[in-house]
Amino acid sequence: MKNITVSLDDELYRRARIRAAQDDTSVSAVVRRFLIEFASEETEFDRLKRQERELRAQIQQFRASDRLLRQNVHERRISGNQRGDRLSGHQYSALLDQP
């Protein structure tokens, strides 16, 4: 087991000791519980990996012929784009995300 040193303001430490005593525990136990919970939280990377696995599991069938041709993606006009201007990648992605 590792020991750590944490620097705290005197008033904060006093309030933490009082609160821990009210909860019938110690400041060390409170910090230990916090660190256990903190370290076990899902990281952003892990969350994205999990989300990708879930999305891939939903794909029932994939055929390359179902994909749009590159030319169609870049040249087609999208409703709401009256002048036929090309959309930025961000604008295009936002349109694809709409239901």
PDB file of N, CA and C in Angstrom:
ATOM      1  N   MET A   1       0.855  -1.173   0.000  1.00  0.00           N
ATOM      2  CA  MET A   1       0.000   0.000   0.000  1.00  0.00           C
ATOM      3  C   MET A   1       0.898   1.232   0.000  1.00  0.00           C
ATOM      4  N   LYS A   2       0.550   2.221  -0.817  1.00  0.00           N
ATOM      5  CA  LYS A   2       1.315   3.459  -0.928  1.00  0.00           C
ATOM      6  C   LYS A   2       0.748   4.521   0.012  1.00  0.00           C
ATOM      7  N   ASN A   3       1.633   5.330   0.530  1.00  0.00           N
ATOM      8  CA  ASN A   3       1.232   6.506   1.305  1.00  0.00           C
ATOM      9  C   ASN A   3       1.423   7.721   0.422  1.00  0.00           C
ATOM     10  N   ILE A   4       0.491   8.659   0.526  1.00  0.00           N
ATOM     11  CA  ILE A   4       0.618   9.901  -0.235  1.00  0.00           C
ATOM     12  C   ILE A   4       0.524  11.080   0.725  1.00  0.00           C
ATOM     13  N   THR A   5       1.090  12.188   0.311  1.00  0.00           N
ATOM     14  CA  THR A   5       1.012  13.414   1.096  1.00  0.00           C
ATOM     15  C   THR A   5       0.212  14.428   0.295  1.00  0.00           C
ATOM     16  N   VAL A   6      -0.768  15.020   0.940  1.00  0.00           N
ATOM     17  CA  VAL A   6      -1.619  16.010   0.288  1.00  0.00           C
ATOM     18  C   VAL A   6      -1.549  17.286   1.109  1.00  0.00           C
ATOM     19  N   SER A   7      -1.324  18.397   0.432  1.00  0.00           N
ATOM     20  CA  SER A   7      -1.289  19.689   1.123  1.00  0.00           C
ATOM     21  C   SER A   7      -2.667  20.330   1.060  1.00  0.00           C
ATOM     22  N   LEU A   8      -3.180  20.703   2.233  1.00  0.00           N
ATOM     23  CA  LEU A   8      -4.496  21.319   2.320  1.00  0.00           C
ATOM     24  C   LEU A   8      -4.428  22.566   3.174  1.00  0.00           C
ATOM     25  N   ASP A   9      -5.324  23.473   2.899  1.00  0.00           N
ATOM     26  CA  ASP A   9      -5.508  24.640   3.743  1.00  0.00           C
ATOM     27  C   ASP A   9      -5.956  24.159   5.131  1.00  0.00           C
ATOM     28  N   ASP A  10      -5.500  24.814   6.181  1.00  0.00           N
ATOM     29  CA  ASP A  10      -5.840  24.392   7.546  1.00  0.00           C
ATOM     30  C   ASP A  10      -7.345  24.320   7.776  1.00  0.00           C
ATOM     31  N   GLU A  11      -8.059  25.309   7.289  1.00  0.00           N
ATOM     32  CA  GLU A  11      -9.509  25.339   7.490  1.00  0.00           C
ATOM     33  C   GLU A  11     -10.193  24.194   6.751  1.00  0.00           C
ATOM     34  N   LEU A  12      -9.734  23.908   5.560  1.00  0.00           N
ATOM     35  CA  LEU A  12     -10.298  22.796   4.804  1.00  0.00           C
ATOM     36  C   LEU A  12     -10.060  21.479   5.531  1.00  0.00           C
ATOM     37  N   TYR A  13      -8.850  21.284   6.033  1.00  0.00           N
ATOM     38  CA  TYR A  13      -8.551  20.046   6.758  1.00  0.00           C
ATOM     39  C   TYR A  13      -9.412  19.925   8.012  1.00  0.00           C
ATOM     40  N   ARG A  14      -9.612  21.041   8.723  1.00  0.00           N
ATOM     41  CA  ARG A  14     -10.435  21.034   9.935  1.00  0.00           C
ATOM     42  C   ARG A  14     -11.869  20.627   9.600  1.00  0.00           C
ATOM     43  N   ARG A  15     -12.416  21.218   8.526  1.00  0.00           N
ATOM     44  CA  ARG A  15     -13.789  20.882   8.127  1.00  0.00           C
ATOM     45  C   ARG A  15     -13.889  19.431   7.650  1.00  0.00           C
ATOM     46  N   ALA A  16     -12.878  18.951   6.965  1.00  0.00           N
ATOM     47  CA  ALA A  16     -12.868  17.560   6.504  1.00  0.00           C
ATOM     48  C   ALA A  16     -12.830  16.594   7.680  1.00  0.00           C
ATOM     49  N   ARG A  17     -12.020  16.915   8.690  1.00  0.00           N
ATOM     50  CA  ARG A  17     -11.963  16.069   9.895  1.00  0.00           C
ATOM     51  C   ARG A  17     -13.304  16.035  10.604  1.00  0.00           C
ATOM     52  N   ILE A  18     -13.943  17.199  10.712  1.00  0.00           N
ATOM     53  CA  ILE A  18     -15.256  17.265  11.378  1.00  0.00           C
ATOM     54  C   ILE A  18     -16.276  16.434  10.597  1.00  0.00           C
ATOM     55  N   ARG A  19     -16.302  16.618   9.288  1.00  0.00           N
ATOM     56  CA  ARG A  19     -17.261  15.878   8.451  1.00  0.00           C
ATOM     57  C   ARG A  19     -16.997  14.375   8.521  1.00  0.00           C
ATOM     58  N   ALA A  20     -15.738  13.987   8.474  1.00  0.00           N
ATOM     59  CA  ALA A  20     -15.397  12.558   8.559  1.00  0.00           C
ATOM     60  C   ALA A  20     -15.837  11.992   9.899  1.00  0.00           C
ATOM     61  N   ALA A  21     -15.613  12.745  10.991  1.00  0.00           N
ATOM     62  CA  ALA A  21     -16.026  12.287  12.319  1.00  0.00           C
ATOM     63  C   ALA A  21     -17.542  12.127  12.386  1.00  0.00           C
ATOM     64  N   GLN A  22     -18.270  13.056  11.778  1.00  0.00           N
ATOM     65  CA  GLN A  22     -19.735  12.949  11.753  1.00  0.00           C
ATOM     66  C   GLN A  22     -20.186  11.696  11.006  1.00  0.00           C
ATOM     67  N   ASP A  23     -19.409  11.305   9.998  1.00  0.00           N
ATOM     68  CA  ASP A  23     -19.723  10.107   9.218  1.00  0.00           C
ATOM     69  C   ASP A  23     -19.069   8.855   9.797  1.00  0.00           C
ATOM     70  N   ASP A  24     -18.484   9.006  10.989  1.00  0.00           N
ATOM     71  CA  ASP A  24     -17.837   7.899  11.694  1.00  0.00           C
ATOM     72  C   ASP A  24     -16.752   7.239  10.833  1.00  0.00           C
ATOM     73  N   THR A  25     -15.904   8.085  10.248  1.00  0.00           N
ATOM     74  CA  THR A  25     -14.801   7.598   9.429  1.00  0.00           C
ATOM     75  C   THR A  25     -13.622   8.545   9.585  1.00  0.00           C
ATOM     76  N   SER A  26     -12.594   8.355   8.795  1.00  0.00           N
ATOM     77  CA  SER A  26     -11.418   9.231   8.856  1.00  0.00           C
ATOM     78  C   SER A  26     -11.254   9.962   7.526  1.00  0.00           C
ATOM     79  N   VAL A  27     -10.453  11.022   7.557  1.00  0.00           N
ATOM     80  CA  VAL A  27     -10.159  11.751   6.323  1.00  0.00           C
ATOM     81  C   VAL A  27      -9.443  10.819   5.351  1.00  0.00           C
ATOM     82  N   SER A  28      -8.543   9.998   5.848  1.00  0.00           N
ATOM     83  CA  SER A  28      -7.827   9.046   4.987  1.00  0.00           C
ATOM     84  C   SER A  28      -8.801   8.097   4.298  1.00  0.00           C
ATOM     85  N   ALA A  29      -9.786   7.605   5.018  1.00  0.00           N
ATOM     86  CA  ALA A  29     -10.771   6.695   4.420  1.00  0.00           C
ATOM     87  C   ALA A  29     -11.604   7.413   3.356  1.00  0.00           C
ATOM     88  N   VAL A  30     -11.943   8.670   3.611  1.00  0.00           N
ATOM     89  CA  VAL A  30     -12.710   9.454   2.637  1.00  0.00           C
ATOM     90  C   VAL A  30     -11.882   9.632   1.361  1.00  0.00           C
ATOM     91  N   VAL A  31     -10.619   9.999   1.519  1.00  0.00           N
ATOM     92  CA  VAL A  31      -9.737  10.186   0.366  1.00  0.00           C
ATOM     93  C   VAL A  31      -9.560   8.868  -0.375  1.00  0.00           C
ATOM     94  N   ARG A  32      -9.390   7.778   0.349  1.00  0.00           N
ATOM     95  CA  ARG A  32      -9.226   6.457  -0.262  1.00  0.00           C
ATOM     96  C   ARG A  32     -10.458   6.103  -1.095  1.00  0.00           C
ATOM     97  N   ARG A  33     -11.672   6.304  -0.534  1.00  0.00           N
ATOM     98  CA  ARG A  33     -12.908   6.014  -1.273  1.00  0.00           C
ATOM     99  C   ARG A  33     -12.988   6.869  -2.539  1.00  0.00           C
ATOM    100  N   PHE A  34     -12.640   8.159  -2.388  1.00  0.00           N
ATOM    101  CA  PHE A  34     -12.668   9.057  -3.546  1.00  0.00           C
ATOM    102  C   PHE A  34     -11.725   8.560  -4.636  1.00  0.00           C
ATOM    103  N   LEU A  35     -10.503   8.200  -4.270  1.00  0.00           N
ATOM    104  CA  LEU A  35      -9.514   7.764  -5.258  1.00  0.00           C
ATOM    105  C   LEU A  35      -9.914   6.446  -5.917  1.00  0.00           C
ATOM    106  N   ILE A  36     -10.516   5.554  -5.152  1.00  0.00           N
ATOM    107  CA  ILE A  36     -10.995   4.291  -5.734  1.00  0.00           C
ATOM    108  C   ILE A  36     -12.054   4.578  -6.788  1.00  0.00           C
ATOM    109  N   GLU A  37     -13.003   5.435  -6.463  1.00  0.00           N
ATOM    110  CA  GLU A  37     -14.061   5.791  -7.414  1.00  0.00           C
ATOM    111  C   GLU A  37     -13.480   6.556  -8.605  1.00  0.00           C
ATOM    112  N   PHE A  38     -12.592   7.480  -8.322  1.00  0.00           N
ATOM    113  CA  PHE A  38     -11.971   8.306  -9.370  1.00  0.00           C
ATOM    114  C   PHE A  38     -11.201   7.430 -10.356  1.00  0.00           C
ATOM    115  N   ALA A  39     -10.431   6.492  -9.850  1.00  0.00           N
ATOM    116  CA  ALA A  39      -9.597   5.640 -10.704  1.00  0.00           C
ATOM    117  C   ALA A  39     -10.419   4.607 -11.458  1.00  0.00           C
ATOM    118  N   SER A  40     -11.600   4.280 -10.980  1.00  0.00           N
ATOM    119  CA  SER A  40     -12.397   3.259 -11.653  1.00  0.00           C
ATOM    120  C   SER A  40     -13.358   3.841 -12.678  1.00  0.00           C
ATOM    121  N   GLU A  41     -13.452   5.160 -12.767  1.00  0.00           N
ATOM    122  CA  GLU A  41     -14.323   5.771 -13.757  1.00  0.00           C
ATOM    123  C   GLU A  41     -13.825   5.453 -15.160  1.00  0.00           C
ATOM    124  N   GLU A  42     -14.752   5.355 -16.079  1.00  0.00           N
ATOM    125  CA  GLU A  42     -14.431   5.074 -17.468  1.00  0.00           C
ATOM    126  C   GLU A  42     -13.750   6.289 -18.092  1.00  0.00           C
ATOM    127  N   THR A  43     -12.607   6.073 -18.722  1.00  0.00           N
ATOM    128  CA  THR A  43     -11.912   7.171 -19.397  1.00  0.00           C
ATOM    129  C   THR A  43     -12.632   7.489 -20.702  1.00  0.00           C
ATOM    130  N   GLU A  44     -12.346   8.637 -21.274  1.00  0.00           N
ATOM    131  CA  GLU A  44     -12.953   9.024 -22.552  1.00  0.00           C
ATOM    132  C   GLU A  44     -12.603   8.000 -23.628  1.00  0.00           C
ATOM    133  N   PHE A  45     -11.363   7.528 -23.629  1.00  0.00           N
ATOM    134  CA  PHE A  45     -10.931   6.524 -24.601  1.00  0.00           C
ATOM    135  C   PHE A  45     -11.747   5.238 -24.437  1.00  0.00           C
ATOM    136  N   ASP A  46     -11.889   4.789 -23.190  1.00  0.00           N
ATOM    137  CA  ASP A  46     -12.652   3.568 -22.935  1.00  0.00           C
ATOM    138  C   ASP A  46     -14.118   3.739 -23.318  1.00  0.00           C
ATOM    139  N   ARG A  47     -14.677   4.921 -23.045  1.00  0.00           N
ATOM    140  CA  ARG A  47     -16.071   5.199 -23.392  1.00  0.00           C
ATOM    141  C   ARG A  47     -16.257   5.129 -24.913  1.00  0.00           C
ATOM    142  N   LEU A  48     -15.314   5.717 -25.656  1.00  0.00           N
ATOM    143  CA  LEU A  48     -15.416   5.692 -27.114  1.00  0.00           C
ATOM    144  C   LEU A  48     -15.242   4.275 -27.671  1.00  0.00           C
ATOM    145  N   LYS A  49     -14.332   3.509 -27.081  1.00  0.00           N
ATOM    146  CA  LYS A  49     -14.147   2.110 -27.511  1.00  0.00           C
ATOM    147  C   LYS A  49     -15.423   1.313 -27.280  1.00  0.00           C
ATOM    148  N   ARG A  50     -16.026   1.498 -26.105  1.00  0.00           N
ATOM    149  CA  ARG A  50     -17.273   0.794 -25.779  1.00  0.00           C
ATOM    150  C   ARG A  50     -18.375   1.202 -26.743  1.00  0.00           C
ATOM    151  N   GLN A  51     -18.477   2.500 -27.013  1.00  0.00           N
ATOM    152  CA  GLN A  51     -19.496   3.000 -27.926  1.00  0.00           C
ATOM    153  C   GLN A  51     -19.301   2.436 -29.335  1.00  0.00           C
ATOM    154  N   GLU A  52     -18.059   2.357 -29.775  1.00  0.00           N
ATOM    155  CA  GLU A  52     -17.782   1.783 -31.094  1.00  0.00           C
ATOM    156  C   GLU A  52     -18.205   0.314 -31.152  1.00  0.00           C
ATOM    157  N   ARG A  53     -17.867  -0.451 -30.108  1.00  0.00           N
ATOM    158  CA  ARG A  53     -18.264  -1.864 -30.068  1.00  0.00           C
ATOM    159  C   ARG A  53     -19.782  -2.009 -30.143  1.00  0.00           C
ATOM    160  N   GLU A  54     -20.504  -1.153 -29.396  1.00  0.00           N
ATOM    161  CA  GLU A  54     -21.962  -1.218 -29.398  1.00  0.00           C
ATOM    162  C   GLU A  54     -22.526  -0.890 -30.778  1.00  0.00           C
ATOM    163  N   LEU A  55     -21.958   0.134 -31.426  1.00  0.00           N
ATOM    164  CA  LEU A  55     -22.441   0.502 -32.752  1.00  0.00           C
ATOM    165  C   LEU A  55     -22.141  -0.587 -33.779  1.00  0.00           C
ATOM    166  N   ARG A  56     -20.950  -1.154 -33.697  1.00  0.00           N
ATOM    167  CA  ARG A  56     -20.595  -2.229 -34.639  1.00  0.00           C
ATOM    168  C   ARG A  56     -21.497  -3.448 -34.439  1.00  0.00           C
ATOM    169  N   ALA A  57     -21.905  -3.713 -33.206  1.00  0.00           N
ATOM    170  CA  ALA A  57     -22.785  -4.848 -32.927  1.00  0.00           C
ATOM    171  C   ALA A  57     -24.171  -4.638 -33.537  1.00  0.00           C
ATOM    172  N   GLN A  58     -24.553  -3.386 -33.747  1.00  0.00           N
ATOM    173  CA  GLN A  58     -25.866  -3.085 -34.327  1.00  0.00           C
ATOM    174  C   GLN A  58     -25.892  -3.271 -35.842  1.00  0.00           C
ATOM    175  N   ILE A  59     -24.727  -3.304 -36.468  1.00  0.00           N
ATOM    176  CA  ILE A  59     -24.677  -3.452 -37.924  1.00  0.00           C
ATOM    177  C   ILE A  59     -25.041  -4.890 -38.276  1.00  0.00           C
ATOM    178  N   GLN A  60     -26.148  -5.046 -38.966  1.00  0.00           N
ATOM    179  CA  GLN A  60     -26.621  -6.383 -39.324  1.00  0.00           C
ATOM    180  C   GLN A  60     -25.966  -6.887 -40.593  1.00  0.00           C
ATOM    181  N   GLN A  61     -25.852  -6.003 -41.563  1.00  0.00           N
ATOM    182  CA  GLN A  61     -25.295  -6.406 -42.846  1.00  0.00           C
ATOM    183  C   GLN A  61     -24.609  -5.192 -43.456  1.00  0.00           C
ATOM    184  N   PHE A  62     -23.470  -5.419 -44.041  1.00  0.00           N
ATOM    185  CA  PHE A  62     -22.747  -4.330 -44.696  1.00  0.00           C
ATOM    186  C   PHE A  62     -22.287  -4.807 -46.056  1.00  0.00           C
ATOM    187  N   ARG A  63     -22.615  -3.995 -47.069  1.00  0.00           N
ATOM    188  CA  ARG A  63     -22.142  -4.284 -48.420  1.00  0.00           C
ATOM    189  C   ARG A  63     -21.497  -3.019 -48.948  1.00  0.00           C
ATOM    190  N   ALA A  64     -20.344  -3.139 -49.537  1.00  0.00           N
ATOM    191  CA  ALA A  64     -19.645  -1.986 -50.089  1.00  0.00           C
ATOM    192  C   ALA A  64     -20.480  -1.317 -51.180  1.00  0.00           C
ATOM    193  N   SER A  65     -21.305  -2.075 -51.864  1.00  0.00           N
ATOM    194  CA  SER A  65     -22.129  -1.502 -52.936  1.00  0.00           C
ATOM    195  C   SER A  65     -23.219  -0.585 -52.382  1.00  0.00           C
ATOM    196  N   ASP A  66     -23.506  -0.667 -51.084  1.00  0.00           N
ATOM    197  CA  ASP A  66     -24.502   0.215 -50.472  1.00  0.00           C
ATOM    198  C   ASP A  66     -23.972   1.615 -50.237  1.00  0.00           C
ATOM    199  N   ARG A  67     -22.682   1.784 -50.365  1.00  0.00           N
ATOM    200  CA  ARG A  67     -22.070   3.085 -50.087  1.00  0.00           C
ATOM    201  C   ARG A  67     -22.279   4.042 -51.247  1.00  0.00           C
ATOM    202  N   LEU A  68     -22.296   5.326 -50.932  1.00  0.00           N
ATOM    203  CA  LEU A  68     -22.382   6.340 -51.975  1.00  0.00           C
ATOM    204  C   LEU A  68     -21.050   6.428 -52.702  1.00  0.00           C
ATOM    205  N   LEU A  69     -21.134   6.740 -53.973  1.00  0.00           N
ATOM    206  CA  LEU A  69     -19.907   6.976 -54.721  1.00  0.00           C
ATOM    207  C   LEU A  69     -19.292   8.284 -54.248  1.00  0.00           C
ATOM    208  N   ARG A  70     -17.996   8.357 -54.249  1.00  0.00           N
ATOM    209  CA  ARG A  70     -17.294   9.559 -53.804  1.00  0.00           C
ATOM    210  C   ARG A  70     -17.786  10.788 -54.559  1.00  0.00           C
ATOM    211  N   GLN A  71     -17.954  10.635 -55.862  1.00  0.00           N
ATOM    212  CA  GLN A  71     -18.401  11.746 -56.698  1.00  0.00           C
ATOM    213  C   GLN A  71     -19.777  12.239 -56.246  1.00  0.00           C
ATOM    214  N   ASN A  72     -20.676  11.326 -55.924  1.00  0.00           N
ATOM    215  CA  ASN A  72     -22.017  11.713 -55.482  1.00  0.00           C
ATOM    216  C   ASN A  72     -21.983  12.452 -54.154  1.00  0.00           C
ATOM    217  N   VAL A  73     -21.124  12.051 -53.278  1.00  0.00           N
ATOM    218  CA  VAL A  73     -21.035  12.696 -51.969  1.00  0.00           C
ATOM    219  C   VAL A  73     -20.602  14.143 -52.118  1.00  0.00           C
ATOM    220  N   HIS A  74     -19.636  14.396 -52.987  1.00  0.00           N
ATOM    221  CA  HIS A  74     -19.070  15.730 -53.109  1.00  0.00           C
ATOM    222  C   HIS A  74     -19.820  16.649 -54.070  1.00  0.00           C
ATOM    223  N   GLU A  75     -20.587  16.086 -54.991  1.00  0.00           N
ATOM    224  CA  GLU A  75     -21.218  16.931 -56.000  1.00  0.00           C
ATOM    225  C   GLU A  75     -22.721  17.110 -55.832  1.00  0.00           C
ATOM    226  N   ARG A  76     -23.364  16.294 -55.055  1.00  0.00           N
ATOM    227  CA  ARG A  76     -24.814  16.417 -54.970  1.00  0.00           C
ATOM    228  C   ARG A  76     -25.213  17.662 -54.191  1.00  0.00           C
ATOM    229  N   ARG A  77     -26.332  18.186 -54.524  1.00  0.00           N
ATOM    230  CA  ARG A  77     -26.870  19.343 -53.808  1.00  0.00           C
ATOM    231  C   ARG A  77     -27.759  18.842 -52.693  1.00  0.00           C
ATOM    232  N   ILE A  78     -27.655  19.498 -51.574  1.00  0.00           N
ATOM    233  CA  ILE A  78     -28.439  19.105 -50.405  1.00  0.00           C
ATOM    234  C   ILE A  78     -29.492  20.171 -50.177  1.00  0.00           C
ATOM    235  N   SER A  79     -30.728  19.761 -49.915  1.00  0.00           N
ATOM    236  CA  SER A  79     -31.801  20.735 -49.710  1.00  0.00           C
ATOM    237  C   SER A  79     -31.410  21.683 -48.590  1.00  0.00           C
ATOM    238  N   GLY A  80     -31.747  22.942 -48.770  1.00  0.00           N
ATOM    239  CA  GLY A  80     -31.349  23.953 -47.804  1.00  0.00           C
ATOM    240  C   GLY A  80     -30.084  24.660 -48.240  1.00  0.00           C
ATOM    241  N   ASN A  81     -29.379  24.094 -49.184  1.00  0.00           N
ATOM    242  CA  ASN A  81     -28.177  24.699 -49.737  1.00  0.00           C
ATOM    243  C   ASN A  81     -28.569  25.243 -51.111  1.00  0.00           C
ATOM    244  N   GLN A  82     -29.314  26.335 -51.119  1.00  0.00           N
ATOM    245  CA  GLN A  82     -29.969  26.853 -52.309  1.00  0.00           C
ATOM    246  C   GLN A  82     -29.006  27.175 -53.445  1.00  0.00           C
ATOM    247  N   ARG A  83     -27.858  27.732 -53.154  1.00  0.00           N
ATOM    248  CA  ARG A  83     -26.936  28.163 -54.211  1.00  0.00           C
ATOM    249  C   ARG A  83     -26.088  27.025 -54.744  1.00  0.00           C
ATOM    250  N   GLY A  84     -26.176  25.871 -54.117  1.00  0.00           N
ATOM    251  CA  GLY A  84     -25.364  24.754 -54.565  1.00  0.00           C
ATOM    252  C   GLY A  84     -23.936  24.824 -54.063  1.00  0.00           C
ATOM    253  N   ASP A  85     -23.696  25.695 -53.053  1.00  0.00           N
ATOM    254  CA  ASP A  85     -22.344  25.794 -52.494  1.00  0.00           C
ATOM    255  C   ASP A  85     -21.949  24.461 -51.883  1.00  0.00           C
ATOM    256  N   ARG A  86     -20.688  24.170 -51.965  1.00  0.00           N
ATOM    257  CA  ARG A  86     -20.204  22.961 -51.292  1.00  0.00           C
ATOM    258  C   ARG A  86     -20.214  23.197 -49.797  1.00  0.00           C
ATOM    259  N   LEU A  87     -20.550  22.189 -49.069  1.00  0.00           N
ATOM    260  CA  LEU A  87     -20.602  22.282 -47.619  1.00  0.00           C
ATOM    261  C   LEU A  87     -19.266  21.886 -47.023  1.00  0.00           C
ATOM    262  N   SER A  88     -18.959  22.502 -45.901  1.00  0.00           N
ATOM    263  CA  SER A  88     -17.755  22.080 -45.180  1.00  0.00           C
ATOM    264  C   SER A  88     -18.020  20.705 -44.590  1.00  0.00           C
ATOM    265  N   GLY A  89     -16.973  20.021 -44.202  1.00  0.00           N
ATOM    266  CA  GLY A  89     -17.118  18.707 -43.579  1.00  0.00           C
ATOM    267  C   GLY A  89     -17.999  18.758 -42.345  1.00  0.00           C
ATOM    268  N   HIS A  90     -17.846  19.835 -41.563  1.00  0.00           N
ATOM    269  CA  HIS A  90     -18.649  19.985 -40.342  1.00  0.00           C
ATOM    270  C   HIS A  90     -20.128  20.146 -40.689  1.00  0.00           C
ATOM    271  N   GLN A  91     -20.427  20.989 -41.707  1.00  0.00           N
ATOM    272  CA  GLN A  91     -21.820  21.201 -42.114  1.00  0.00           C
ATOM    273  C   GLN A  91     -22.416  19.905 -42.665  1.00  0.00           C
ATOM    274  N   TYR A  92     -21.644  19.193 -43.452  1.00  0.00           N
ATOM    275  CA  TYR A  92     -22.122  17.948 -44.033  1.00  0.00           C
ATOM    276  C   TYR A  92     -22.400  16.917 -42.946  1.00  0.00           C
ATOM    277  N   SER A  93     -21.482  16.808 -41.980  1.00  0.00           N
ATOM    278  CA  SER A  93     -21.674  15.859 -40.875  1.00  0.00           C
ATOM    279  C   SER A  93     -22.920  16.203 -40.085  1.00  0.00           C
ATOM    280  N   ALA A  94     -23.162  17.504 -39.870  1.00  0.00           N
ATOM    281  CA  ALA A  94     -24.349  17.934 -39.118  1.00  0.00           C
ATOM    282  C   ALA A  94     -25.618  17.522 -39.857  1.00  0.00           C
ATOM    283  N   LEU A  95     -25.621  17.636 -41.178  1.00  0.00           N
ATOM    284  CA  LEU A  95     -26.784  17.217 -41.951  1.00  0.00           C
ATOM    285  C   LEU A  95     -27.000  15.713 -41.881  1.00  0.00           C
ATOM    286  N   LEU A  96     -25.927  14.963 -41.894  1.00  0.00           N
ATOM    287  CA  LEU A  96     -26.045  13.500 -41.816  1.00  0.00           C
ATOM    288  C   LEU A  96     -26.569  13.058 -40.460  1.00  0.00           C
ATOM    289  N   ASP A  97     -26.278  13.817 -39.423  1.00  0.00           N
ATOM    290  CA  ASP A  97     -26.700  13.463 -38.065  1.00  0.00           C
ATOM    291  C   ASP A  97     -28.170  13.747 -37.815  1.00  0.00           C
ATOM    292  N   GLN A  98     -28.801  14.526 -38.696  1.00  0.00           N
ATOM    293  CA  GLN A  98     -30.206  14.863 -38.509  1.00  0.00           C
ATOM    294  C   GLN A  98     -31.058  13.631 -38.782  1.00  0.00           C
ATOM    295  N   PRO A  99     -32.140  13.465 -38.003  1.00  0.00           N
ATOM    296  CA  PRO A  99     -33.016  12.301 -38.230  1.00  0.00           C
ATOM    297  C   PRO A  99     -33.774  12.387 -39.530  1.00  0.00           C
TER     298      PRO A  99
END
